[in-house]
Full PDB file with SEQRES, HELIX, SHEET, SSBOND, CRYST1, ORIGX, SCALE, CONECT and MASTER records, all heavy atoms in Angstrom:
SEQRES   1 A   32  TYR SER ALA ASN GLY ARG ASP TRP THR VAL VAL PRO ARG          
SEQRES   2 A   32  LEU THR LYS SER HIS LEU LYS LYS VAL ILE PHE ALA SER          
SEQRES   3 A   32  ASN ARG PHE VAL ALA GLY                                      
SHEET    1 AA1 2 VAL A  22  ALA A  25  0                                        
SHEET    2 AA1 2 ARG A  28  ALA A  31 -1                                        
CRYST1    1.000    1.000    1.000  90.00  90.00  90.00 P 1           1          
ORIGX1      1.000000  0.000000  0.000000        0.00000                         
ORIGX2      0.000000  1.000000  0.000000        0.00000                         
ORIGX3      0.000000  0.000000  1.000000        0.00000                         
SCALE1      1.000000  0.000000  0.000000        0.00000                         
SCALE2      0.000000  1.000000  0.000000        0.00000                         
SCALE3      0.000000  0.000000  1.000000        0.00000                         
ATOM      1  N   TYR A   1    -129.990  39.500  15.251  1.00  0.00           N  
ATOM      2  CA  TYR A   1    -129.261  39.044  14.061  1.00  0.00           C  
ATOM      3  C   TYR A   1    -127.789  39.399  14.189  1.00  0.00           C  
ATOM      4  O   TYR A   1    -127.397  40.321  14.909  1.00  0.00           O  
ATOM      5  CB  TYR A   1    -129.856  39.638  12.777  1.00  0.00           C  
ATOM      6  CG  TYR A   1    -129.647  41.119  12.587  1.00  0.00           C  
ATOM      7  CD1 TYR A   1    -128.492  41.609  11.962  1.00  0.00           C  
ATOM      8  CD2 TYR A   1    -130.595  42.043  13.017  1.00  0.00           C  
ATOM      9  CE1 TYR A   1    -128.300  42.974  11.786  1.00  0.00           C  
ATOM     10  CE2 TYR A   1    -130.413  43.398  12.843  1.00  0.00           C  
ATOM     11  CZ  TYR A   1    -129.257  43.856  12.225  1.00  0.00           C  
ATOM     12  OH  TYR A   1    -129.069  45.199  12.052  1.00  0.00           O  
ATOM     13  N   SER A   2    -126.959  38.628  13.483  1.00  0.00           N  
ATOM     14  CA  SER A   2    -125.517  38.830  13.532  1.00  0.00           C  
ATOM     15  C   SER A   2    -124.883  38.311  12.258  1.00  0.00           C  
ATOM     16  O   SER A   2    -125.318  37.283  11.725  1.00  0.00           O  
ATOM     17  CB  SER A   2    -124.908  38.103  14.734  1.00  0.00           C  
ATOM     18  OG  SER A   2    -123.490  38.136  14.690  1.00  0.00           O  
ATOM     19  N   ALA A   3    -123.869  39.000  11.794  1.00  0.00           N  
ATOM     20  CA  ALA A   3    -123.149  38.544  10.604  1.00  0.00           C  
ATOM     21  C   ALA A   3    -121.983  37.636  10.961  1.00  0.00           C  
ATOM     22  O   ALA A   3    -121.487  36.898  10.112  1.00  0.00           O  
ATOM     23  CB  ALA A   3    -122.641  39.747   9.810  1.00  0.00           C  
ATOM     24  N   ASN A   4    -121.544  37.665  12.232  1.00  0.00           N  
ATOM     25  CA  ASN A   4    -120.368  36.886  12.612  1.00  0.00           C  
ATOM     26  C   ASN A   4    -120.592  35.982  13.824  1.00  0.00           C  
ATOM     27  O   ASN A   4    -119.680  35.263  14.233  1.00  0.00           O  
ATOM     28  CB  ASN A   4    -119.179  37.812  12.896  1.00  0.00           C  
ATOM     29  CG  ASN A   4    -119.488  38.856  13.952  1.00  0.00           C  
ATOM     30  OD1 ASN A   4    -120.390  38.687  14.768  1.00  0.00           O  
ATOM     31  ND2 ASN A   4    -118.730  39.949  13.934  1.00  0.00           N  
ATOM     32  N   GLY A   5    -121.771  36.017  14.423  1.00  0.00           N  
ATOM     33  CA  GLY A   5    -122.054  35.189  15.588  1.00  0.00           C  
ATOM     34  C   GLY A   5    -121.520  35.754  16.886  1.00  0.00           C  
ATOM     35  O   GLY A   5    -121.728  35.161  17.953  1.00  0.00           O  
ATOM     36  N   ARG A   6    -120.850  36.901  16.825  1.00  0.00           N  
ATOM     37  CA  ARG A   6    -120.299  37.532  18.026  1.00  0.00           C  
ATOM     38  C   ARG A   6    -120.989  38.851  18.353  1.00  0.00           C  
ATOM     39  O   ARG A   6    -121.300  39.122  19.512  1.00  0.00           O  
ATOM     40  CB  ARG A   6    -118.798  37.779  17.855  1.00  0.00           C  
ATOM     41  CG  ARG A   6    -117.964  36.529  17.711  1.00  0.00           C  
ATOM     42  CD  ARG A   6    -116.490  36.849  17.616  1.00  0.00           C  
ATOM     43  NE  ARG A   6    -116.178  37.678  16.458  1.00  0.00           N  
ATOM     44  CZ  ARG A   6    -115.922  37.195  15.248  1.00  0.00           C  
ATOM     45  NH1 ARG A   6    -115.950  35.886  15.034  1.00  0.00           N  
ATOM     46  NH2 ARG A   6    -115.637  38.005  14.232  1.00  0.00           N  
ATOM     47  N   ASP A   7    -121.213  39.661  17.333  1.00  0.00           N  
ATOM     48  CA  ASP A   7    -121.829  40.973  17.530  1.00  0.00           C  
ATOM     49  C   ASP A   7    -123.283  40.903  17.072  1.00  0.00           C  
ATOM     50  O   ASP A   7    -123.561  40.634  15.900  1.00  0.00           O  
ATOM     51  CB  ASP A   7    -121.068  42.036  16.722  1.00  0.00           C  
ATOM     52  CG  ASP A   7    -119.581  42.043  17.059  1.00  0.00           C  
ATOM     53  OD1 ASP A   7    -119.258  42.183  18.252  1.00  0.00           O  
ATOM     54  OD2 ASP A   7    -118.762  41.898  16.137  1.00  0.00           O  
ATOM     55  N   TRP A   8    -124.204  41.165  18.020  1.00  0.00           N  
ATOM     56  CA  TRP A   8    -125.620  40.970  17.757  1.00  0.00           C  
ATOM     57  C   TRP A   8    -126.385  42.284  17.838  1.00  0.00           C  
ATOM     58  O   TRP A   8    -126.063  43.161  18.635  1.00  0.00           O  
ATOM     59  CB  TRP A   8    -126.208  39.986  18.754  1.00  0.00           C  
ATOM     60  CG  TRP A   8    -125.676  38.591  18.585  1.00  0.00           C  
ATOM     61  CD1 TRP A   8    -124.511  38.100  19.101  1.00  0.00           C  
ATOM     62  CD2 TRP A   8    -126.266  37.532  17.825  1.00  0.00           C  
ATOM     63  NE1 TRP A   8    -124.342  36.787  18.723  1.00  0.00           N  
ATOM     64  CE2 TRP A   8    -125.405  36.412  17.942  1.00  0.00           C  
ATOM     65  CE3 TRP A   8    -127.433  37.411  17.079  1.00  0.00           C  
ATOM     66  CZ2 TRP A   8    -125.690  35.197  17.328  1.00  0.00           C  
ATOM     67  CZ3 TRP A   8    -127.714  36.206  16.465  1.00  0.00           C  
ATOM     68  CH2 TRP A   8    -126.847  35.121  16.594  1.00  0.00           C  
ATOM     69  N   THR A   9    -127.417  42.387  17.004  1.00  0.00           N  
ATOM     70  CA  THR A   9    -128.299  43.547  16.991  1.00  0.00           C  
ATOM     71  C   THR A   9    -129.727  43.078  17.248  1.00  0.00           C  
ATOM     72  O   THR A   9    -130.175  42.090  16.659  1.00  0.00           O  
ATOM     73  CB  THR A   9    -128.240  44.276  15.641  1.00  0.00           C  
ATOM     74  OG1 THR A   9    -126.895  44.713  15.400  1.00  0.00           O  
ATOM     75  CG2 THR A   9    -129.171  45.484  15.634  1.00  0.00           C  
ATOM     76  N   VAL A  10    -130.422  43.784  18.122  1.00  0.00           N  
ATOM     77  CA  VAL A  10    -131.806  43.441  18.435  1.00  0.00           C  
ATOM     78  C   VAL A  10    -132.732  44.061  17.401  1.00  0.00           C  
ATOM     79  O   VAL A  10    -132.638  45.255  17.093  1.00  0.00           O  
ATOM     80  CB  VAL A  10    -132.184  43.935  19.838  1.00  0.00           C  
ATOM     81  CG1 VAL A  10    -133.647  43.596  20.146  1.00  0.00           C  
ATOM     82  CG2 VAL A  10    -131.267  43.319  20.892  1.00  0.00           C  
ATOM     83  N   VAL A  11    -133.627  43.258  16.848  1.00  0.00           N  
ATOM     84  CA  VAL A  11    -134.609  43.727  15.867  1.00  0.00           C  
ATOM     85  C   VAL A  11    -135.763  44.414  16.606  1.00  0.00           C  
ATOM     86  O   VAL A  11    -136.185  43.939  17.658  1.00  0.00           O  
ATOM     87  CB  VAL A  11    -135.137  42.537  15.040  1.00  0.00           C  
ATOM     88  CG1 VAL A  11    -136.286  42.961  14.127  1.00  0.00           C  
ATOM     89  CG2 VAL A  11    -134.010  41.910  14.229  1.00  0.00           C  
ATOM     90  N   PRO A  12    -136.266  45.543  16.080  1.00  0.00           N  
ATOM     91  CA  PRO A  12    -137.461  46.162  16.688  1.00  0.00           C  
ATOM     92  C   PRO A  12    -138.580  45.139  16.845  1.00  0.00           C  
ATOM     93  O   PRO A  12    -138.898  44.398  15.912  1.00  0.00           O  
ATOM     94  CB  PRO A  12    -137.835  47.254  15.684  1.00  0.00           C  
ATOM     95  CG  PRO A  12    -136.532  47.619  15.035  1.00  0.00           C  
ATOM     96  CD  PRO A  12    -135.766  46.332  14.932  1.00  0.00           C  
ATOM     97  N   ARG A  13    -139.184  45.100  18.018  1.00  0.00           N  
ATOM     98  CA  ARG A  13    -140.144  44.064  18.354  1.00  0.00           C  
ATOM     99  C   ARG A  13    -141.448  44.223  17.572  1.00  0.00           C  
ATOM    100  O   ARG A  13    -142.020  45.303  17.513  1.00  0.00           O  
ATOM    101  CB  ARG A  13    -140.423  44.114  19.852  1.00  0.00           C  
ATOM    102  CG  ARG A  13    -141.290  43.000  20.370  1.00  0.00           C  
ATOM    103  CD  ARG A  13    -141.454  43.107  21.869  1.00  0.00           C  
ATOM    104  NE  ARG A  13    -140.173  43.084  22.554  1.00  0.00           N  
ATOM    105  CZ  ARG A  13    -140.039  43.219  23.867  1.00  0.00           C  
ATOM    106  NH1 ARG A  13    -141.110  43.411  24.619  1.00  0.00           N  
ATOM    107  NH2 ARG A  13    -138.849  43.188  24.420  1.00  0.00           N  
ATOM    108  N   LEU A  14    -141.889  43.091  16.989  1.00  0.00           N  
ATOM    109  CA  LEU A  14    -143.164  43.060  16.273  1.00  0.00           C  
ATOM    110  C   LEU A  14    -144.272  42.417  17.101  1.00  0.00           C  
ATOM    111  O   LEU A  14    -145.445  42.558  16.763  1.00  0.00           O  
ATOM    112  CB  LEU A  14    -143.004  42.287  14.961  1.00  0.00           C  
ATOM    113  CG  LEU A  14    -142.113  42.923  13.891  1.00  0.00           C  
ATOM    114  CD1 LEU A  14    -142.023  42.006  12.684  1.00  0.00           C  
ATOM    115  CD2 LEU A  14    -142.638  44.282  13.487  1.00  0.00           C  
ATOM    116  N   THR A  15    -143.896  41.693  18.145  1.00  0.00           N  
ATOM    117  CA  THR A  15    -144.872  40.999  18.979  1.00  0.00           C  
ATOM    118  C   THR A  15    -144.301  40.827  20.375  1.00  0.00           C  
ATOM    119  O   THR A  15    -143.077  40.859  20.563  1.00  0.00           O  
ATOM    120  CB  THR A  15    -145.205  39.610  18.381  1.00  0.00           C  
ATOM    121  OG1 THR A  15    -146.127  38.937  19.238  1.00  0.00           O  
ATOM    122  CG2 THR A  15    -143.958  38.759  18.249  1.00  0.00           C  
ATOM    123  N   LYS A  16    -145.187  40.647  21.336  1.00  0.00           N  
ATOM    124  CA  LYS A  16    -144.766  40.327  22.699  1.00  0.00           C  
ATOM    125  C   LYS A  16    -144.855  38.831  22.979  1.00  0.00           C  
ATOM    126  O   LYS A  16    -144.493  38.375  24.058  1.00  0.00           O  
ATOM    127  CB  LYS A  16    -145.623  41.095  23.709  1.00  0.00           C  
ATOM    128  CG  LYS A  16    -145.417  42.610  23.663  1.00  0.00           C  
ATOM    129  CD  LYS A  16    -146.259  43.308  24.723  1.00  0.00           C  
ATOM    130  CE  LYS A  16    -146.051  44.815  24.679  1.00  0.00           C  
ATOM    131  NZ  LYS A  16    -146.873  45.516  25.712  1.00  0.00           N  
ATOM    132  N   SER A  17    -145.318  38.081  22.000  1.00  0.00           N  
ATOM    133  CA  SER A  17    -145.457  36.630  22.158  1.00  0.00           C  
ATOM    134  C   SER A  17    -144.093  35.948  22.107  1.00  0.00           C  
ATOM    135  O   SER A  17    -143.194  36.386  21.371  1.00  0.00           O  
ATOM    136  CB  SER A  17    -146.355  36.062  21.058  1.00  0.00           C  
ATOM    137  OG  SER A  17    -147.648  36.626  21.118  1.00  0.00           O  
ATOM    138  N   HIS A  18    -143.950  34.876  22.878  1.00  0.00           N  
ATOM    139  CA  HIS A  18    -142.701  34.114  22.867  1.00  0.00           C  
ATOM    140  C   HIS A  18    -142.533  33.415  21.516  1.00  0.00           C  
ATOM    141  O   HIS A  18    -143.478  32.815  20.994  1.00  0.00           O  
ATOM    142  CB  HIS A  18    -142.697  33.064  23.976  1.00  0.00           C  
ATOM    143  CG  HIS A  18    -142.793  33.638  25.354  1.00  0.00           C  
ATOM    144  ND1 HIS A  18    -142.409  34.929  25.660  1.00  0.00           N  
ATOM    145  CD2 HIS A  18    -143.203  33.078  26.529  1.00  0.00           C  
ATOM    146  CE1 HIS A  18    -142.594  35.157  26.948  1.00  0.00           C  
ATOM    147  NE2 HIS A  18    -143.089  34.056  27.496  1.00  0.00           N  
ATOM    148  N   LEU A  19    -141.340  33.467  20.982  1.00  0.00           N  
ATOM    149  CA  LEU A  19    -141.013  32.786  19.734  1.00  0.00           C  
ATOM    150  C   LEU A  19    -140.303  31.478  20.064  1.00  0.00           C  
ATOM    151  O   LEU A  19    -139.319  31.466  20.801  1.00  0.00           O  
ATOM    152  CB  LEU A  19    -140.138  33.672  18.846  1.00  0.00           C  
ATOM    153  CG  LEU A  19    -140.776  34.998  18.428  1.00  0.00           C  
ATOM    154  CD1 LEU A  19    -139.776  35.862  17.676  1.00  0.00           C  
ATOM    155  CD2 LEU A  19    -142.021  34.763  17.585  1.00  0.00           C  
ATOM    156  N   LYS A  20    -140.811  30.376  19.540  1.00  0.00           N  
ATOM    157  CA  LYS A  20    -140.302  29.055  19.884  1.00  0.00           C  
ATOM    158  C   LYS A  20    -139.282  28.514  18.890  1.00  0.00           C  
ATOM    159  O   LYS A  20    -138.407  27.730  19.253  1.00  0.00           O  
ATOM    160  CB  LYS A  20    -141.469  28.056  19.967  1.00  0.00           C  
ATOM    161  CG  LYS A  20    -142.575  28.443  20.937  1.00  0.00           C  
ATOM    162  CD  LYS A  20    -142.085  28.462  22.370  1.00  0.00           C  
ATOM    163  CE  LYS A  20    -143.243  28.648  23.330  1.00  0.00           C  
ATOM    164  NZ  LYS A  20    -142.790  28.742  24.743  1.00  0.00           N  
ATOM    165  N   LYS A  21    -139.410  28.908  17.621  1.00  0.00           N  
ATOM    166  CA  LYS A  21    -138.574  28.295  16.586  1.00  0.00           C  
ATOM    167  C   LYS A  21    -138.319  29.278  15.458  1.00  0.00           C  
ATOM    168  O   LYS A  21    -139.215  30.023  15.056  1.00  0.00           O  
ATOM    169  CB  LYS A  21    -139.283  27.050  16.030  1.00  0.00           C  
ATOM    170  CG  LYS A  21    -138.499  26.262  15.005  1.00  0.00           C  
ATOM    171  CD  LYS A  21    -137.407  25.439  15.654  1.00  0.00           C  
ATOM    172  CE  LYS A  21    -136.741  24.496  14.662  1.00  0.00           C  
ATOM    173  NZ  LYS A  21    -135.736  23.638  15.302  1.00  0.00           N  
ATOM    174  N   VAL A  22    -137.088  29.289  14.950  1.00  0.00           N  
ATOM    175  CA  VAL A  22    -136.770  30.052  13.742  1.00  0.00           C  
ATOM    176  C   VAL A  22    -135.946  29.156  12.822  1.00  0.00           C  
ATOM    177  O   VAL A  22    -135.063  28.424  13.278  1.00  0.00           O  
ATOM    178  CB  VAL A  22    -136.007  31.353  14.065  1.00  0.00           C  
ATOM    179  CG1 VAL A  22    -134.693  31.085  14.764  1.00  0.00           C  
ATOM    180  CG2 VAL A  22    -135.790  32.172  12.796  1.00  0.00           C  
ATOM    181  N   ILE A  23    -136.286  29.170  11.536  1.00  0.00           N  
ATOM    182  CA  ILE A  23    -135.544  28.380  10.556  1.00  0.00           C  
ATOM    183  C   ILE A  23    -135.209  29.262   9.357  1.00  0.00           C  
ATOM    184  O   ILE A  23    -135.792  30.336   9.171  1.00  0.00           O  
ATOM    185  CB  ILE A  23    -136.331  27.150  10.065  1.00  0.00           C  
ATOM    186  CG1 ILE A  23    -137.567  27.593   9.259  1.00  0.00           C  
ATOM    187  CG2 ILE A  23    -136.722  26.262  11.229  1.00  0.00           C  
ATOM    188  CD1 ILE A  23    -138.222  26.448   8.483  1.00  0.00           C  
ATOM    189  N   PHE A  24    -134.274  28.789   8.548  1.00  0.00           N  
ATOM    190  CA  PHE A  24    -134.013  29.412   7.250  1.00  0.00           C  
ATOM    191  C   PHE A  24    -134.216  28.357   6.183  1.00  0.00           C  
ATOM    192  O   PHE A  24    -133.604  27.285   6.218  1.00  0.00           O  
ATOM    193  CB  PHE A  24    -132.592  29.955   7.166  1.00  0.00           C  
ATOM    194  CG  PHE A  24    -132.316  30.652   5.858  1.00  0.00           C  
ATOM    195  CD1 PHE A  24    -132.634  31.995   5.693  1.00  0.00           C  
ATOM    196  CD2 PHE A  24    -131.757  29.975   4.783  1.00  0.00           C  
ATOM    197  CE1 PHE A  24    -132.395  32.647   4.492  1.00  0.00           C  
ATOM    198  CE2 PHE A  24    -131.522  30.609   3.580  1.00  0.00           C  
ATOM    199  CZ  PHE A  24    -131.837  31.952   3.430  1.00  0.00           C  
ATOM    200  N   ALA A  25    -135.095  28.643   5.238  1.00  0.00           N  
ATOM    201  CA  ALA A  25    -135.383  27.714   4.145  1.00  0.00           C  
ATOM    202  C   ALA A  25    -136.012  28.485   3.005  1.00  0.00           C  
ATOM    203  O   ALA A  25    -136.678  29.504   3.224  1.00  0.00           O  
ATOM    204  CB  ALA A  25    -136.316  26.601   4.600  1.00  0.00           C  
ATOM    205  N   SER A  26    -135.799  28.018   1.788  1.00  0.00           N  
ATOM    206  CA  SER A  26    -136.371  28.649   0.603  1.00  0.00           C  
ATOM    207  C   SER A  26    -136.070  30.153   0.574  1.00  0.00           C  
ATOM    208  O   SER A  26    -136.942  30.973   0.276  1.00  0.00           O  
ATOM    209  CB  SER A  26    -137.887  28.405   0.547  1.00  0.00           C  
ATOM    210  OG  SER A  26    -138.429  28.813  -0.691  1.00  0.00           O  
ATOM    211  N   ASN A  27    -134.829  30.494   0.938  1.00  0.00           N  
ATOM    212  CA  ASN A  27    -134.328  31.864   0.847  1.00  0.00           C  
ATOM    213  C   ASN A  27    -135.039  32.833   1.782  1.00  0.00           C  
ATOM    214  O   ASN A  27    -135.144  34.031   1.490  1.00  0.00           O  
ATOM    215  CB  ASN A  27    -134.419  32.389  -0.586  1.00  0.00           C  
ATOM    216  CG  ASN A  27    -133.474  33.553  -0.834  1.00  0.00           C  
ATOM    217  OD1 ASN A  27    -132.360  33.571  -0.328  1.00  0.00           O  
ATOM    218  ND2 ASN A  27    -133.921  34.536  -1.595  1.00  0.00           N  
ATOM    219  N   ARG A  28    -135.494  32.347   2.953  1.00  0.00           N  
ATOM    220  CA  ARG A  28    -136.132  33.246   3.916  1.00  0.00           C  
ATOM    221  C   ARG A  28    -136.076  32.636   5.320  1.00  0.00           C  
ATOM    222  O   ARG A  28    -135.996  31.419   5.482  1.00  0.00           O  
ATOM    223  CB  ARG A  28    -137.577  33.529   3.529  1.00  0.00           C  
ATOM    224  CG  ARG A  28    -138.547  32.397   3.737  1.00  0.00           C  
ATOM    225  CD  ARG A  28    -139.749  32.506   2.838  1.00  0.00           C  
ATOM    226  NE  ARG A  28    -139.371  32.306   1.446  1.00  0.00           N  
ATOM    227  CZ  ARG A  28    -140.161  32.552   0.416  1.00  0.00           C  
ATOM    228  NH1 ARG A  28    -141.368  33.031   0.619  1.00  0.00           N  
ATOM    229  NH2 ARG A  28    -139.752  32.325  -0.815  1.00  0.00           N  
ATOM    230  N   PHE A  29    -136.115  33.512   6.308  1.00  0.00           N  
ATOM    231  CA  PHE A  29    -136.267  33.102   7.701  1.00  0.00           C  
ATOM    232  C   PHE A  29    -137.757  33.054   8.035  1.00  0.00           C  
ATOM    233  O   PHE A  29    -138.527  33.923   7.608  1.00  0.00           O  
ATOM    234  CB  PHE A  29    -135.586  34.097   8.641  1.00  0.00           C  
ATOM    235  CG  PHE A  29    -134.081  34.098   8.575  1.00  0.00           C  
ATOM    236  CD1 PHE A  29    -133.415  35.014   7.771  1.00  0.00           C  
ATOM    237  CD2 PHE A  29    -133.340  33.201   9.332  1.00  0.00           C  
ATOM    238  CE1 PHE A  29    -132.035  35.030   7.714  1.00  0.00           C  
ATOM    239  CE2 PHE A  29    -131.950  33.208   9.276  1.00  0.00           C  
ATOM    240  CZ  PHE A  29    -131.286  34.127   8.467  1.00  0.00           C  
ATOM    241  N   VAL A  30    -138.138  32.068   8.829  1.00  0.00           N  
ATOM    242  CA  VAL A  30    -139.512  31.960   9.315  1.00  0.00           C  
ATOM    243  C   VAL A  30    -139.455  31.623  10.798  1.00  0.00           C  
ATOM    244  O   VAL A  30    -138.774  30.670  11.196  1.00  0.00           O  
ATOM    245  CB  VAL A  30    -140.310  30.878   8.568  1.00  0.00           C  
ATOM    246  CG1 VAL A  30    -141.745  30.826   9.090  1.00  0.00           C  
ATOM    247  CG2 VAL A  30    -140.310  31.151   7.062  1.00  0.00           C  
ATOM    248  N   ALA A  31    -140.167  32.410  11.602  1.00  0.00           N  
ATOM    249  CA  ALA A  31    -140.226  32.174  13.047  1.00  0.00           C  
ATOM    250  C   ALA A  31    -141.673  31.953  13.454  1.00  0.00           C  
ATOM    251  O   ALA A  31    -142.587  32.600  12.936  1.00  0.00           O  
ATOM    252  CB  ALA A  31    -139.635  33.351  13.810  1.00  0.00           C  
ATOM    253  N   GLY A  32    -141.882  31.038  14.406  1.00  0.00           N  
ATOM    254  CA  GLY A  32    -143.217  30.771  14.917  1.00  0.00           C  
ATOM    255  C   GLY A  32    -143.214  30.741  16.428  1.00  0.00           C  
ATOM    256  O   GLY A  32    -142.173  30.483  17.047  1.00  0.00           O  
TER     257      GLY A  32                                                      
MASTER        0    0    0    0    2    0    0    6  256    1    0    3          
END                                                                             
């Protein structure tokens, strides 16, 4: 995640599975 698109922070991993898509809608991020 990043607030400016330049400086990024890695989120603690919740899964080892590859994530194909992330969207923002209805006031939340959803990744599958």
